[in-house]
Amino acid sequence: MNDFRFGPAEVYLVGFEGQRPDPATFRALTELVDSGVVRLLDFVVLAKSATGEVEIVELDDEGGKLDLDGFEPIAAGLAGEEDVEALAAAIAPGQSAALVVLELAFARTLAQKLAAAGGQVLRSERVPAPVVNAVMDILDQEDE
């Protein structure tokens, strides 16, 4: 059986008002990591000044600007500098964002089992939660 150390990774850029994400963001991530649903591979905070200058604050920065309740990413630096800079373009001046790279735990197990059975994933797509919920609402209305 193939033994994968990691499953597929997903990258999220989550925007916030102001120069730092709300601490509730960190609590939400901590809960998911603690539950085993996801593994945190990388995490970077980006802040864009009113003049458009981007500050990048990684978890392992010695400045200690982020209070993350002691959780650390498994692969800090996985999001490359070019990727981070490209994603920073999506942040409006005066706002911040958290760049979060997550591994979904079930996806690693699924990938292992598919490979062991001789299968391979040819394509994978994510449908955003708002789209799924909107479609389900429409289907529910049709059933009424």
Protein backbone atom coordinates (compact mmCIF):
# COMPACT_ATOMS: atom_id res chain seq x y z
CA MET A 1 0.00 0.00 0.00
CA ASN A 2 1.22 3.48 -0.77
CA ASP A 3 1.90 5.36 2.42
CA PHE A 4 1.35 9.05 1.78
CA ARG A 5 2.76 11.45 4.35
CA PHE A 6 0.41 14.15 3.06
CA GLY A 7 -2.84 14.35 1.19
CA PRO A 8 -3.99 17.09 -1.14
CA ALA A 9 -3.49 20.63 0.16
CA GLU A 10 -5.91 23.50 -0.14
CA VAL A 11 -4.97 27.16 -0.06
CA TYR A 12 -7.33 29.74 1.41
CA LEU A 13 -6.90 33.51 1.37
CA VAL A 14 -9.29 34.86 3.99
CA GLY A 15 -9.72 38.65 4.04
CA PHE A 16 -10.36 40.86 7.07
CA GLU A 17 -11.01 44.50 7.81
CA GLY A 18 -8.07 46.26 9.45
CA GLN A 19 -4.44 45.27 9.81
CA ARG A 20 -4.82 41.98 11.71
CA PRO A 21 -7.26 39.06 11.53
CA ASP A 22 -9.69 38.65 14.39
CA PRO A 23 -8.47 36.26 17.13
CA ALA A 24 -11.63 34.18 16.51
CA THR A 25 -9.99 33.09 13.24
CA PHE A 26 -7.16 31.50 15.16
CA ARG A 27 -9.58 29.79 17.55
CA ALA A 28 -11.55 28.35 14.62
CA LEU A 29 -8.37 26.93 13.08
CA THR A 30 -7.21 25.55 16.42
CA GLU A 31 -10.53 23.73 16.87
CA LEU A 32 -10.28 22.12 13.42
CA VAL A 33 -6.64 21.12 13.90
CA ASP A 34 -7.34 19.73 17.39
CA SER A 35 -10.27 17.69 16.05
CA GLY A 36 -8.06 16.03 13.44
CA VAL A 37 -10.27 17.17 10.55
CA VAL A 38 -7.40 19.15 9.03
CA ARG A 39 -3.67 19.55 9.43
CA LEU A 40 -2.25 23.06 9.24
CA LEU A 41 0.56 23.02 6.69
CA ASP A 42 1.29 26.75 6.45
CA PHE A 43 -0.10 30.03 7.72
CA VAL A 44 0.88 33.58 6.79
CA VAL A 45 -0.73 36.89 7.67
CA LEU A 46 -0.62 39.61 5.03
CA ALA A 47 -1.47 43.23 5.79
CA LYS A 48 -1.77 45.97 3.20
CA SER A 49 -1.32 49.59 4.29
CA ALA A 50 -3.50 52.42 3.00
CA THR A 51 -0.69 53.21 0.54
CA GLY A 52 -0.63 49.62 -0.76
CA GLU A 53 2.55 48.43 0.96
CA VAL A 54 2.30 44.76 1.95
CA GLU A 55 3.64 43.42 5.24
CA ILE A 56 4.10 39.66 5.50
CA VAL A 57 4.06 38.17 9.00
CA GLU A 58 4.78 34.45 9.22
CA LEU A 59 4.14 32.38 12.34
CA ASP A 60 7.82 31.76 12.88
CA ASP A 61 8.73 35.47 12.83
CA GLU A 62 10.67 36.31 15.96
CA GLY A 63 8.64 39.47 16.50
CA GLY A 64 5.91 37.40 18.13
CA LYS A 65 3.19 39.62 16.67
CA LEU A 66 0.69 36.76 16.41
CA ASP A 67 -0.87 34.98 19.37
CA LEU A 68 -1.86 31.58 17.97
CA ASP A 69 -2.23 29.60 21.18
CA GLY A 70 0.93 27.64 20.47
CA PHE A 71 -0.11 25.88 17.29
CA GLU A 72 2.42 25.79 14.50
CA PRO A 73 2.21 24.77 10.86
CA ILE A 74 3.73 21.47 9.81
CA ALA A 75 5.45 22.94 6.75
CA ALA A 76 6.00 26.66 7.36
CA GLY A 77 7.19 28.22 4.12
CA LEU A 78 5.24 25.81 1.92
CA ALA A 79 3.46 28.81 0.41
CA GLY A 80 6.31 30.22 -1.63
CA GLU A 81 7.24 33.88 -1.69
CA GLU A 82 5.98 34.30 -5.27
CA ASP A 83 2.64 32.71 -4.34
CA VAL A 84 2.30 34.96 -1.30
CA GLU A 85 3.08 38.08 -3.34
CA ALA A 86 0.61 37.11 -6.06
CA LEU A 87 -2.17 36.49 -3.53
CA ALA A 88 -1.41 39.79 -1.76
CA ALA A 89 -2.67 41.57 -4.88
CA ALA A 90 -6.21 40.49 -3.93
CA ILE A 91 -6.09 42.40 -0.62
CA ALA A 92 -7.59 45.89 -0.57
CA PRO A 93 -5.54 48.73 0.95
CA GLY A 94 -6.07 48.98 4.71
CA GLN A 95 -7.09 45.34 5.01
CA SER A 96 -5.39 42.10 5.97
CA ALA A 97 -5.70 38.44 5.08
CA ALA A 98 -4.67 35.07 6.40
CA LEU A 99 -3.12 32.71 3.88
CA VAL A 100 -3.92 29.24 5.18
CA VAL A 101 -2.68 25.99 3.64
CA LEU A 102 -4.64 23.01 4.94
CA GLU A 103 -4.50 19.29 4.39
CA LEU A 104 -7.86 17.56 4.73
CA ALA A 105 -7.16 14.43 6.75
CA PHE A 106 -9.74 12.26 4.95
CA ALA A 107 -8.20 13.15 1.58
CA ARG A 108 -4.85 11.56 2.52
CA THR A 109 -6.62 8.31 3.50
CA LEU A 110 -8.72 8.38 0.32
CA ALA A 111 -5.62 8.96 -1.83
CA GLN A 112 -3.84 6.02 -0.17
CA LYS A 113 -6.78 3.67 -0.69
CA LEU A 114 -7.29 4.72 -4.30
CA ALA A 115 -3.59 4.22 -5.07
CA ALA A 116 -3.60 0.82 -3.36
CA ALA A 117 -6.54 -0.20 -5.56
CA GLY A 118 -4.65 0.89 -8.68
CA GLY A 119 -6.67 4.05 -9.17
CA GLN A 120 -5.57 7.60 -9.63
CA VAL A 121 -7.43 10.88 -9.32
CA LEU A 122 -7.57 12.41 -12.77
CA ARG A 123 -9.23 15.63 -11.71
CA SER A 124 -10.61 17.19 -8.57
CA GLU A 125 -12.67 20.35 -8.22
CA ARG A 126 -14.05 22.21 -5.27
CA VAL A 127 -17.52 23.72 -5.37
CA PRO A 128 -17.66 26.65 -2.90
CA ALA A 129 -19.99 26.23 0.07
CA PRO A 130 -22.22 29.19 -0.89
CA VAL A 131 -22.85 27.61 -4.30
CA VAL A 132 -23.66 24.18 -2.82
CA ASN A 133 -26.02 25.76 -0.30
CA ALA A 134 -27.77 27.87 -2.94
CA VAL A 135 -28.32 24.83 -5.16
CA MET A 136 -29.58 22.78 -2.21
CA ASP A 137 -32.02 25.58 -1.30
CA ILE A 138 -33.35 25.52 -4.86
CA LEU A 139 -33.71 21.73 -4.77
CA ASP A 140 -35.48 21.91 -1.41
CA GLN A 141 -37.94 24.45 -2.81
CA GLU A 142 -38.67 22.18 -5.77
CA ASP A 143 -39.49 19.34 -3.36
CA GLU A 144 -42.11 21.43 -1.54
